[in-house]
Amino acid sequence: MPKQVDHHERRTLLADALLRVAAERGLMDVSLRHVAAEAGVTAGMVQHYFRTKDEMMIFALDVVAARVQARLHDDPDPRRLVRSLLVQLLPLDADRELEGRVAVAYHAYAATRPDVAARLEEDTRGMRAAVAERIHAAAGSGPLDPEIAATGLLALVEGLAVHVLGGHLAPADALATLDAHLDVAFGEPASTPPRAAP
């Protein structure tokens, strides 16, 4: 009897290899051959599962999104749930550092690849809507429009992630900054003490 192959598992193995190569080289330098070498398979196998580099890139985005979702804990408190989601986007451990490096590379790659850009836009729109919904549920007509607050929080986290990845900001400072902005978005009193002037 022929051996059963789990195609999703194989595609995920290749996506993992893509993520490692992209984190080291950037996405512009990724090729099917590089992914095959990193995964320890033939280039033909990669081409069997992915017709194009962009198809492989989009699948890798799905893998990362599924991993982020798996790390989330359902929480009935909207603020804690939003914080949990946004913290997943900060490079606070080895897995999230790899994902953060790849996210930066994806944004650069998407600037010239409409299919990838469309996928990133779709994911961002969904995340912004989910965050705005939680802000509205908790803060109602708080100090900021929920959609604007959600947009600001997502942009803030992406910027904080770049600064942490670059070594310009300590992870603890990134978390403190995020918490201060969550307080504003959810209309709560500041939870972080102001820093002394340098």
N, C-alpha and C. Protein backbone atom coordinates (compact mmCIF):
# COMPACT_ATOMS: atom_id res chain seq x y z
N MET A 1 0.85 -1.18 0.00
CA MET A 1 0.00 0.00 0.00
C MET A 1 0.90 1.24 0.00
N PRO A 2 0.61 2.25 -0.86
CA PRO A 2 1.45 3.45 -0.91
C PRO A 2 1.34 4.25 0.39
N LYS A 3 2.46 4.90 0.70
CA LYS A 3 2.51 5.72 1.91
C LYS A 3 1.61 6.95 1.75
N GLN A 4 0.81 7.23 2.78
CA GLN A 4 -0.07 8.40 2.77
C GLN A 4 0.76 9.65 3.09
N VAL A 5 0.62 10.66 2.28
CA VAL A 5 1.35 11.91 2.48
C VAL A 5 0.36 12.97 2.97
N ASP A 6 0.72 13.63 4.05
CA ASP A 6 -0.09 14.73 4.56
C ASP A 6 0.35 16.00 3.82
N HIS A 7 -0.43 16.40 2.84
CA HIS A 7 -0.05 17.53 1.99
C HIS A 7 0.03 18.84 2.76
N HIS A 8 -0.89 19.03 3.70
CA HIS A 8 -0.84 20.26 4.49
C HIS A 8 0.43 20.29 5.33
N GLU A 9 0.80 19.15 5.90
CA GLU A 9 2.03 19.08 6.69
C GLU A 9 3.25 19.40 5.83
N ARG A 10 3.28 18.87 4.61
CA ARG A 10 4.40 19.15 3.69
C ARG A 10 4.45 20.64 3.34
N ARG A 11 3.29 21.21 3.05
CA ARG A 11 3.25 22.64 2.71
C ARG A 11 3.70 23.47 3.90
N THR A 12 3.32 23.06 5.11
CA THR A 12 3.74 23.78 6.31
C THR A 12 5.24 23.65 6.52
N LEU A 13 5.80 22.48 6.27
CA LEU A 13 7.25 22.29 6.34
C LEU A 13 7.96 23.25 5.40
N LEU A 14 7.44 23.39 4.20
CA LEU A 14 8.04 24.30 3.22
C LEU A 14 7.85 25.76 3.64
N ALA A 15 6.69 26.07 4.21
CA ALA A 15 6.45 27.44 4.70
C ALA A 15 7.42 27.78 5.83
N ASP A 16 7.67 26.82 6.72
CA ASP A 16 8.64 27.05 7.80
C ASP A 16 10.02 27.34 7.24
N ALA A 17 10.41 26.57 6.22
CA ALA A 17 11.71 26.80 5.58
C ALA A 17 11.74 28.19 4.95
N LEU A 18 10.65 28.59 4.30
CA LEU A 18 10.56 29.92 3.71
C LEU A 18 10.74 30.99 4.78
N LEU A 19 10.08 30.82 5.92
CA LEU A 19 10.18 31.81 6.99
C LEU A 19 11.62 31.95 7.48
N ARG A 20 12.31 30.83 7.64
CA ARG A 20 13.70 30.89 8.10
C ARG A 20 14.59 31.58 7.06
N VAL A 21 14.41 31.24 5.80
CA VAL A 21 15.22 31.87 4.75
C VAL A 21 14.90 33.36 4.66
N ALA A 22 13.62 33.71 4.72
CA ALA A 22 13.22 35.12 4.63
C ALA A 22 13.76 35.92 5.80
N ALA A 23 13.78 35.34 6.99
CA ALA A 23 14.30 36.05 8.17
C ALA A 23 15.79 36.33 8.03
N GLU A 24 16.51 35.42 7.36
CA GLU A 24 17.95 35.59 7.18
C GLU A 24 18.29 36.47 5.98
N ARG A 25 17.58 36.29 4.86
CA ARG A 25 17.97 36.92 3.60
C ARG A 25 17.03 38.03 3.15
N GLY A 26 15.81 38.07 3.66
CA GLY A 26 14.80 38.96 3.11
C GLY A 26 14.05 38.22 2.01
N LEU A 27 12.85 38.64 1.72
CA LEU A 27 12.02 37.92 0.77
C LEU A 27 12.46 38.10 -0.68
N MET A 28 13.09 39.21 -0.99
CA MET A 28 13.50 39.42 -2.37
C MET A 28 14.53 38.38 -2.80
N ASP A 29 15.32 37.88 -1.85
CA ASP A 29 16.35 36.89 -2.17
C ASP A 29 15.87 35.45 -2.02
N VAL A 30 14.65 35.24 -1.64
CA VAL A 30 14.13 33.88 -1.48
C VAL A 30 13.81 33.31 -2.85
N SER A 31 14.22 32.08 -3.06
CA SER A 31 13.86 31.37 -4.29
C SER A 31 13.35 29.98 -3.90
N LEU A 32 12.70 29.32 -4.84
CA LEU A 32 12.23 27.97 -4.58
C LEU A 32 13.42 27.06 -4.24
N ARG A 33 14.54 27.31 -4.89
CA ARG A 33 15.76 26.53 -4.64
C ARG A 33 16.25 26.73 -3.20
N HIS A 34 16.24 27.99 -2.72
CA HIS A 34 16.66 28.26 -1.34
C HIS A 34 15.74 27.55 -0.34
N VAL A 35 14.45 27.62 -0.60
CA VAL A 35 13.48 26.98 0.30
C VAL A 35 13.68 25.47 0.30
N ALA A 36 13.91 24.90 -0.88
CA ALA A 36 14.13 23.46 -0.97
C ALA A 36 15.37 23.05 -0.17
N ALA A 37 16.45 23.81 -0.32
CA ALA A 37 17.69 23.49 0.41
C ALA A 37 17.46 23.59 1.92
N GLU A 38 16.76 24.62 2.35
CA GLU A 38 16.50 24.81 3.79
C GLU A 38 15.62 23.70 4.34
N ALA A 39 14.66 23.23 3.53
CA ALA A 39 13.74 22.18 3.97
C ALA A 39 14.33 20.78 3.79
N GLY A 40 15.44 20.68 3.06
CA GLY A 40 16.05 19.38 2.82
C GLY A 40 15.27 18.54 1.82
N VAL A 41 14.64 19.21 0.85
CA VAL A 41 13.87 18.50 -0.18
C VAL A 41 14.34 18.99 -1.55
N THR A 42 13.78 18.42 -2.59
CA THR A 42 14.15 18.84 -3.94
C THR A 42 13.34 20.07 -4.36
N ALA A 43 13.90 20.82 -5.30
CA ALA A 43 13.17 21.97 -5.85
C ALA A 43 11.88 21.50 -6.52
N GLY A 44 11.92 20.29 -7.10
CA GLY A 44 10.72 19.74 -7.72
C GLY A 44 9.58 19.55 -6.72
N MET A 45 9.93 19.14 -5.50
CA MET A 45 8.88 18.98 -4.48
C MET A 45 8.26 20.34 -4.15
N VAL A 46 9.10 21.35 -4.02
CA VAL A 46 8.57 22.69 -3.72
C VAL A 46 7.63 23.12 -4.84
N GLN A 47 8.03 22.91 -6.09
CA GLN A 47 7.20 23.29 -7.23
C GLN A 47 5.92 22.45 -7.31
N HIS A 48 5.96 21.24 -6.80
CA HIS A 48 4.76 20.41 -6.77
C HIS A 48 3.69 21.04 -5.88
N TYR A 49 4.12 21.62 -4.75
CA TYR A 49 3.17 22.19 -3.79
C TYR A 49 2.85 23.65 -4.05
N PHE A 50 3.77 24.38 -4.67
CA PHE A 50 3.57 25.80 -4.92
C PHE A 50 4.00 26.12 -6.35
N ARG A 51 3.06 26.60 -7.15
CA ARG A 51 3.38 26.91 -8.54
C ARG A 51 4.27 28.15 -8.65
N THR A 52 4.08 29.10 -7.74
CA THR A 52 4.83 30.35 -7.82
C THR A 52 5.37 30.72 -6.44
N LYS A 53 6.33 31.59 -6.45
CA LYS A 53 6.89 32.12 -5.20
C LYS A 53 5.80 32.86 -4.42
N ASP A 54 4.99 33.66 -5.10
CA ASP A 54 3.94 34.41 -4.40
C ASP A 54 2.93 33.48 -3.74
N GLU A 55 2.59 32.38 -4.39
CA GLU A 55 1.66 31.41 -3.80
C GLU A 55 2.26 30.84 -2.51
N MET A 56 3.54 30.57 -2.53
CA MET A 56 4.23 30.06 -1.34
C MET A 56 4.25 31.14 -0.25
N MET A 57 4.47 32.39 -0.64
CA MET A 57 4.51 33.49 0.33
C MET A 57 3.16 33.65 1.03
N ILE A 58 2.10 33.59 0.26
CA ILE A 58 0.76 33.77 0.84
C ILE A 58 0.42 32.62 1.78
N PHE A 59 0.81 31.39 1.40
CA PHE A 59 0.58 30.27 2.30
C PHE A 59 1.36 30.46 3.61
N ALA A 60 2.60 30.95 3.51
CA ALA A 60 3.41 31.19 4.71
C ALA A 60 2.73 32.22 5.61
N LEU A 61 2.09 33.24 5.03
CA LEU A 61 1.33 34.21 5.84
C LEU A 61 0.21 33.50 6.60
N ASP A 62 -0.45 32.56 5.94
CA ASP A 62 -1.52 31.79 6.60
C ASP A 62 -0.98 30.99 7.78
N VAL A 63 0.21 30.41 7.60
CA VAL A 63 0.83 29.62 8.67
C VAL A 63 1.12 30.52 9.87
N VAL A 64 1.69 31.70 9.62
CA VAL A 64 2.00 32.62 10.71
C VAL A 64 0.70 33.06 11.40
N ALA A 65 -0.31 33.40 10.63
CA ALA A 65 -1.59 33.82 11.21
C ALA A 65 -2.19 32.73 12.08
N ALA A 66 -2.12 31.49 11.64
CA ALA A 66 -2.65 30.37 12.42
C ALA A 66 -1.87 30.20 13.73
N ARG A 67 -0.57 30.41 13.68
CA ARG A 67 0.24 30.29 14.90
C ARG A 67 -0.08 31.40 15.89
N VAL A 68 -0.25 32.61 15.38
CA VAL A 68 -0.62 33.72 16.26
C VAL A 68 -1.98 33.42 16.90
N GLN A 69 -2.93 32.96 16.10
CA GLN A 69 -4.26 32.64 16.60
C GLN A 69 -4.19 31.55 17.67
N ALA A 70 -3.34 30.56 17.47
CA ALA A 70 -3.21 29.46 18.43
C ALA A 70 -2.63 29.94 19.76
N ARG A 71 -1.83 31.00 19.73
CA ARG A 71 -1.23 31.51 20.97
C ARG A 71 -2.19 32.41 21.74
N LEU A 72 -3.27 32.84 21.11
CA LEU A 72 -4.23 33.72 21.78
C LEU A 72 -5.07 32.94 22.78
N HIS A 73 -5.37 33.59 23.86
CA HIS A 73 -6.26 33.00 24.87
C HIS A 73 -7.57 33.79 24.83
N ASP A 74 -8.67 33.07 24.71
CA ASP A 74 -9.95 33.74 24.68
C ASP A 74 -10.17 34.40 26.03
N ASP A 75 -10.53 35.66 25.99
CA ASP A 75 -10.71 36.42 27.22
C ASP A 75 -11.97 37.26 27.06
N PRO A 76 -12.89 37.18 28.01
CA PRO A 76 -14.12 37.96 27.89
C PRO A 76 -13.88 39.47 28.04
N ASP A 77 -12.74 39.85 28.64
CA ASP A 77 -12.44 41.27 28.82
C ASP A 77 -11.86 41.82 27.51
N PRO A 78 -12.55 42.78 26.85
CA PRO A 78 -12.09 43.28 25.55
C PRO A 78 -10.67 43.86 25.57
N ARG A 79 -10.32 44.59 26.62
CA ARG A 79 -8.99 45.18 26.67
C ARG A 79 -7.90 44.11 26.76
N ARG A 80 -8.12 43.13 27.62
CA ARG A 80 -7.13 42.06 27.75
C ARG A 80 -7.00 41.25 26.47
N LEU A 81 -8.13 41.05 25.78
CA LEU A 81 -8.10 40.31 24.52
C LEU A 81 -7.32 41.09 23.46
N VAL A 82 -7.57 42.39 23.36
CA VAL A 82 -6.83 43.22 22.39
C VAL A 82 -5.35 43.24 22.75
N ARG A 83 -5.03 43.38 24.02
CA ARG A 83 -3.63 43.38 24.43
C ARG A 83 -2.97 42.06 24.07
N SER A 84 -3.67 40.96 24.33
CA SER A 84 -3.14 39.64 24.01
C SER A 84 -2.83 39.52 22.52
N LEU A 85 -3.72 40.02 21.68
CA LEU A 85 -3.50 39.98 20.23
C LEU A 85 -2.30 40.84 19.85
N LEU A 86 -2.26 42.06 20.33
CA LEU A 86 -1.19 42.98 19.93
C LEU A 86 0.18 42.54 20.46
N VAL A 87 0.20 41.94 21.63
CA VAL A 87 1.47 41.44 22.17
C VAL A 87 2.03 40.32 21.28
N GLN A 88 1.14 39.59 20.61
CA GLN A 88 1.62 38.53 19.70
C GLN A 88 2.40 39.11 18.52
N LEU A 89 2.21 40.38 18.24
CA LEU A 89 2.88 41.02 17.11
C LEU A 89 4.22 41.64 17.51
N LEU A 90 4.54 41.59 18.80
CA LEU A 90 5.82 42.13 19.27
C LEU A 90 6.84 41.00 19.38
N PRO A 91 8.08 41.23 18.98
CA PRO A 91 9.11 40.18 19.01
C PRO A 91 9.67 39.98 20.42
N LEU A 92 8.90 39.28 21.25
CA LEU A 92 9.26 39.10 22.66
C LEU A 92 9.89 37.75 22.96
N ASP A 93 9.92 36.85 21.98
CA ASP A 93 10.59 35.56 22.14
C ASP A 93 11.10 35.13 20.77
N ALA A 94 11.76 34.00 20.69
CA ALA A 94 12.40 33.57 19.44
C ALA A 94 11.39 33.39 18.30
N ASP A 95 10.24 32.78 18.58
CA ASP A 95 9.24 32.58 17.53
C ASP A 95 8.72 33.91 16.99
N ARG A 96 8.38 34.81 17.91
CA ARG A 96 7.84 36.10 17.48
C ARG A 96 8.92 36.99 16.86
N GLU A 97 10.18 36.78 17.24
CA GLU A 97 11.26 37.53 16.58
C GLU A 97 11.38 37.09 15.13
N LEU A 98 11.33 35.78 14.88
CA LEU A 98 11.36 35.28 13.51
C LEU A 98 10.18 35.82 12.72
N GLU A 99 8.99 35.75 13.31
CA GLU A 99 7.79 36.26 12.64
C GLU A 99 7.90 37.76 12.38
N GLY A 100 8.48 38.49 13.33
CA GLY A 100 8.65 39.93 13.17
C GLY A 100 9.59 40.27 12.03
N ARG A 101 10.70 39.55 11.93
CA ARG A 101 11.65 39.77 10.83
C ARG A 101 10.98 39.47 9.48
N VAL A 102 10.20 38.42 9.46
CA VAL A 102 9.50 38.06 8.23
C VAL A 102 8.43 39.11 7.91
N ALA A 103 7.74 39.62 8.92
CA ALA A 103 6.70 40.64 8.68
C ALA A 103 7.31 41.88 8.04
N VAL A 104 8.46 42.31 8.53
CA VAL A 104 9.13 43.47 7.93
C VAL A 104 9.47 43.16 6.47
N ALA A 105 9.99 41.97 6.22
CA ALA A 105 10.34 41.58 4.85
C ALA A 105 9.09 41.51 3.96
N TYR A 106 7.97 41.02 4.51
CA TYR A 106 6.74 40.93 3.73
C TYR A 106 6.25 42.31 3.32
N HIS A 107 6.32 43.26 4.23
CA HIS A 107 5.86 44.61 3.89
C HIS A 107 6.70 45.20 2.77
N ALA A 108 8.01 44.99 2.81
CA ALA A 108 8.87 45.48 1.73
C ALA A 108 8.55 44.75 0.42
N TYR A 109 8.36 43.46 0.49
CA TYR A 109 8.07 42.66 -0.70
C TYR A 109 6.72 43.06 -1.30
N ALA A 110 5.74 43.31 -0.44
CA ALA A 110 4.39 43.65 -0.90
C ALA A 110 4.35 44.98 -1.64
N ALA A 111 5.34 45.83 -1.41
CA ALA A 111 5.36 47.13 -2.09
C ALA A 111 5.43 46.97 -3.60
N THR A 112 5.92 45.84 -4.08
CA THR A 112 6.03 45.63 -5.53
C THR A 112 5.24 44.41 -6.01
N ARG A 113 4.51 43.75 -5.12
CA ARG A 113 3.77 42.54 -5.49
C ARG A 113 2.30 42.72 -5.12
N PRO A 114 1.44 43.07 -6.09
CA PRO A 114 0.03 43.35 -5.79
C PRO A 114 -0.71 42.21 -5.10
N ASP A 115 -0.44 40.95 -5.46
CA ASP A 115 -1.16 39.84 -4.82
C ASP A 115 -0.83 39.74 -3.34
N VAL A 116 0.44 39.90 -3.01
CA VAL A 116 0.85 39.84 -1.61
C VAL A 116 0.34 41.07 -0.87
N ALA A 117 0.40 42.23 -1.52
CA ALA A 117 -0.10 43.47 -0.89
C ALA A 117 -1.59 43.34 -0.59
N ALA A 118 -2.35 42.76 -1.51
CA ALA A 118 -3.79 42.60 -1.29
C ALA A 118 -4.04 41.70 -0.10
N ARG A 119 -3.26 40.66 0.04
CA ARG A 119 -3.43 39.74 1.17
C ARG A 119 -3.10 40.42 2.49
N LEU A 120 -2.00 41.19 2.51
CA LEU A 120 -1.65 41.92 3.73
C LEU A 120 -2.73 42.94 4.09
N GLU A 121 -3.27 43.61 3.08
CA GLU A 121 -4.33 44.58 3.32
C GLU A 121 -5.57 43.90 3.91
N GLU A 122 -5.92 42.75 3.36
CA GLU A 122 -7.08 41.99 3.85
C GLU A 122 -6.88 41.58 5.31
N ASP A 123 -5.70 41.07 5.63
CA ASP A 123 -5.41 40.66 7.00
C ASP A 123 -5.45 41.86 7.95
N THR A 124 -4.86 42.97 7.52
CA THR A 124 -4.83 44.18 8.35
C THR A 124 -6.24 44.71 8.57
N ARG A 125 -7.04 44.73 7.52
CA ARG A 125 -8.42 45.21 7.64
C ARG A 125 -9.20 44.36 8.64
N GLY A 126 -9.02 43.04 8.58
CA GLY A 126 -9.71 42.15 9.52
C GLY A 126 -9.26 42.37 10.95
N MET A 127 -7.95 42.53 11.14
CA MET A 127 -7.44 42.75 12.49
C MET A 127 -7.92 44.10 13.03
N ARG A 128 -7.89 45.13 12.17
CA ARG A 128 -8.35 46.45 12.60
C ARG A 128 -9.82 46.41 13.00
N ALA A 129 -10.64 45.71 12.24
CA ALA A 129 -12.06 45.61 12.56
C ALA A 129 -12.27 44.87 13.88
N ALA A 130 -11.51 43.80 14.11
CA ALA A 130 -11.64 43.05 15.37
C ALA A 130 -11.24 43.90 16.57
N VAL A 131 -10.16 44.66 16.43
CA VAL A 131 -9.71 45.51 17.53
C VAL A 131 -10.72 46.63 17.76
N ALA A 132 -11.19 47.26 16.69
CA ALA A 132 -12.18 48.34 16.82
C ALA A 132 -13.46 47.85 17.48
N GLU A 133 -13.88 46.64 17.14
CA GLU A 133 -15.09 46.07 17.74
C GLU A 133 -14.92 45.91 19.25
N ARG A 134 -13.74 45.43 19.68
CA ARG A 134 -13.48 45.26 21.11
C ARG A 134 -13.42 46.61 21.83
N ILE A 135 -12.80 47.59 21.18
CA ILE A 135 -12.72 48.93 21.80
C ILE A 135 -14.13 49.50 21.95
N HIS A 136 -14.94 49.36 20.91
CA HIS A 136 -16.31 49.88 20.97
C HIS A 136 -17.11 49.17 22.06
N ALA A 137 -16.93 47.85 22.18
CA ALA A 137 -17.66 47.08 23.20
C ALA A 137 -17.29 47.53 24.60
N ALA A 138 -16.03 47.90 24.80
CA ALA A 138 -15.58 48.26 26.14
C ALA A 138 -15.74 49.74 26.44
N ALA A 139 -15.38 50.57 25.46
CA ALA A 139 -15.33 52.01 25.73
C ALA A 139 -16.53 52.75 25.18
N GLY A 140 -17.32 52.09 24.33
CA GLY A 140 -18.49 52.75 23.75
C GLY A 140 -18.07 53.99 23.01
N SER A 141 -18.57 55.11 23.45
CA SER A 141 -18.18 56.38 22.81
C SER A 141 -17.08 57.02 23.63
N GLY A 142 -15.98 56.29 23.77
CA GLY A 142 -14.83 56.76 24.54
C GLY A 142 -14.18 57.96 23.90
N PRO A 143 -12.96 58.26 24.32
CA PRO A 143 -12.29 59.47 23.86
C PRO A 143 -11.92 59.45 22.38
N LEU A 144 -11.79 58.27 21.79
CA LEU A 144 -11.42 58.15 20.38
C LEU A 144 -12.43 57.31 19.63
N ASP A 145 -12.58 57.60 18.35
CA ASP A 145 -13.37 56.73 17.50
C ASP A 145 -12.70 55.35 17.50
N PRO A 146 -13.43 54.26 17.72
CA PRO A 146 -12.82 52.93 17.80
C PRO A 146 -11.99 52.55 16.58
N GLU A 147 -12.45 52.94 15.39
CA GLU A 147 -11.70 52.61 14.17
C GLU A 147 -10.36 53.35 14.14
N ILE A 148 -10.37 54.61 14.54
CA ILE A 148 -9.13 55.39 14.58
C ILE A 148 -8.21 54.84 15.67
N ALA A 149 -8.77 54.51 16.82
CA ALA A 149 -7.97 53.94 17.90
C ALA A 149 -7.33 52.62 17.47
N ALA A 150 -8.10 51.77 16.79
CA ALA A 150 -7.57 50.48 16.32
C ALA A 150 -6.46 50.68 15.30
N THR A 151 -6.65 51.61 14.38
CA THR A 151 -5.62 51.91 13.38
C THR A 151 -4.35 52.38 14.06
N GLY A 152 -4.50 53.26 15.04
CA GLY A 152 -3.33 53.77 15.77
C GLY A 152 -2.62 52.68 16.54
N LEU A 153 -3.37 51.79 17.19
CA LEU A 153 -2.74 50.71 17.95
C LEU A 153 -1.97 49.75 17.05
N LEU A 154 -2.55 49.41 15.90
CA LEU A 154 -1.85 48.51 14.98
C LEU A 154 -0.59 49.16 14.42
N ALA A 155 -0.68 50.42 14.06
CA ALA A 155 0.51 51.12 13.56
C ALA A 155 1.56 51.24 14.65
N LEU A 156 1.12 51.52 15.87
CA LEU A 156 2.04 51.61 17.00
C LEU A 156 2.78 50.30 17.20
N VAL A 157 2.06 49.19 17.21
CA VAL A 157 2.69 47.89 17.46
C VAL A 157 3.68 47.54 16.35
N GLU A 158 3.32 47.84 15.11
CA GLU A 158 4.26 47.57 14.01
C GLU A 158 5.53 48.39 14.19
N GLY A 159 5.38 49.65 14.57
CA GLY A 159 6.56 50.49 14.80
C GLY A 159 7.38 50.02 15.99
N LEU A 160 6.71 49.65 17.07
CA LEU A 160 7.42 49.13 18.24
C LEU A 160 8.18 47.87 17.88
N ALA A 161 7.56 47.00 17.08
CA ALA A 161 8.21 45.76 16.68
C ALA A 161 9.50 46.05 15.91
N VAL A 162 9.45 47.01 15.00
CA VAL A 162 10.65 47.37 14.23
C VAL A 162 11.74 47.88 15.16
N HIS A 163 11.37 48.69 16.14
CA HIS A 163 12.36 49.23 17.08
C HIS A 163 12.95 48.14 17.98
N VAL A 164 12.13 47.20 18.41
CA VAL A 164 12.65 46.10 19.22
C VAL A 164 13.56 45.22 18.37
N LEU A 165 13.14 44.90 17.15
CA LEU A 165 13.97 44.08 16.26
C LEU A 165 15.31 44.74 15.98
N GLY A 166 15.31 46.06 15.84
CA GLY A 166 16.54 46.79 15.55
C GLY A 166 17.40 47.03 16.77
N GLY A 167 16.91 46.65 17.94
CA GLY A 167 17.67 46.85 19.16
C GLY A 167 17.62 48.27 19.69
N HIS A 168 16.69 49.08 19.19
CA HIS A 168 16.57 50.48 19.61
C HIS A 168 15.66 50.65 20.82
N LEU A 169 14.94 49.60 21.17
CA LEU A 169 13.96 49.68 22.24
C LEU A 169 13.91 48.34 22.96
N ALA A 170 13.91 48.38 24.26
CA ALA A 170 13.82 47.15 25.05
C ALA A 170 12.39 46.62 25.00
N PRO A 171 12.22 45.31 25.00
CA PRO A 171 10.86 44.74 24.99
C PRO A 171 9.98 45.28 26.12
N ALA A 172 10.54 45.46 27.31
CA ALA A 172 9.74 45.97 28.43
C ALA A 172 9.22 47.38 28.14
N ASP A 173 10.04 48.19 27.49
CA ASP A 173 9.61 49.55 27.13
C ASP A 173 8.52 49.51 26.05
N ALA A 174 8.63 48.56 25.13
CA ALA A 174 7.60 48.41 24.11
C ALA A 174 6.27 48.04 24.76
N LEU A 175 6.30 47.12 25.72
CA LEU A 175 5.07 46.72 26.41
C LEU A 175 4.48 47.89 27.21
N ALA A 176 5.33 48.65 27.87
CA ALA A 176 4.84 49.81 28.64
C ALA A 176 4.19 50.83 27.72
N THR A 177 4.79 51.04 26.56
CA THR A 177 4.23 51.99 25.58
C THR A 177 2.89 51.48 25.07
N LEU A 178 2.82 50.20 24.76
CA LEU A 178 1.56 49.62 24.30
C LEU A 178 0.49 49.77 25.37
N ASP A 179 0.82 49.46 26.62
CA ASP A 179 -0.17 49.56 27.70
C ASP A 179 -0.68 50.98 27.88
N ALA A 180 0.20 51.96 27.76
CA ALA A 180 -0.22 53.37 27.89
C ALA A 180 -1.21 53.73 26.78
N HIS A 181 -0.96 53.27 25.57
CA HIS A 181 -1.86 53.58 24.46
C HIS A 181 -3.16 52.78 24.55
N LEU A 182 -3.09 51.59 25.09
CA LEU A 182 -4.33 50.83 25.33
C LEU A 182 -5.21 51.57 26.33
N ASP A 183 -4.59 52.16 27.37
CA ASP A 183 -5.35 52.94 28.34
C ASP A 183 -6.13 54.06 27.66
N VAL A 184 -5.46 54.76 26.75
CA VAL A 184 -6.11 55.86 26.03
C VAL A 184 -7.24 55.31 25.14
N ALA A 185 -6.95 54.27 24.39
CA ALA A 185 -7.94 53.71 23.46
C ALA A 185 -9.18 53.21 24.18
N PHE A 186 -8.99 52.65 25.38
CA PHE A 186 -10.11 52.09 26.12
C PHE A 186 -10.67 53.08 27.14
N GLY A 187 -10.19 54.32 27.11
CA GLY A 187 -10.72 55.36 27.99
C GLY A 187 -10.48 55.10 29.45
N GLU A 188 -9.33 54.50 29.77
CA GLU A 188 -8.99 54.19 31.16
C GLU A 188 -7.91 55.15 31.66
N PRO A 189 -7.84 55.31 32.97
CA PRO A 189 -6.75 56.13 33.50
C PRO A 189 -5.41 55.46 33.20
N ALA A 190 -4.39 56.26 33.04
CA ALA A 190 -3.06 55.74 32.70
C ALA A 190 -2.60 54.72 33.74
N SER A 191 -2.13 53.57 33.26
CA SER A 191 -1.67 52.52 34.17
C SER A 191 -0.16 52.53 34.33
N THR A 192 0.52 53.27 33.46
CA THR A 192 1.97 53.31 33.55
C THR A 192 2.39 54.68 34.08
N PRO A 193 3.28 54.69 35.06
CA PRO A 193 3.72 55.96 35.61
C PRO A 193 4.52 56.72 34.56
N PRO A 194 4.43 58.06 34.57
CA PRO A 194 5.22 58.83 33.62
C PRO A 194 6.70 58.66 33.91
N ARG A 195 7.50 58.68 32.85
CA ARG A 195 8.96 58.56 33.00
C ARG A 195 9.54 59.91 33.41
N ALA A 196 10.60 59.82 34.17
CA ALA A 196 11.30 61.04 34.54
C ALA A 196 12.01 61.58 33.30
N ALA A 197 12.10 62.88 33.20
CA ALA A 197 12.78 63.50 32.06
C ALA A 197 14.26 63.12 32.10
N PRO A 198 14.86 62.89 30.92
CA PRO A 198 16.29 62.50 30.90
C PRO A 198 17.20 63.63 31.34
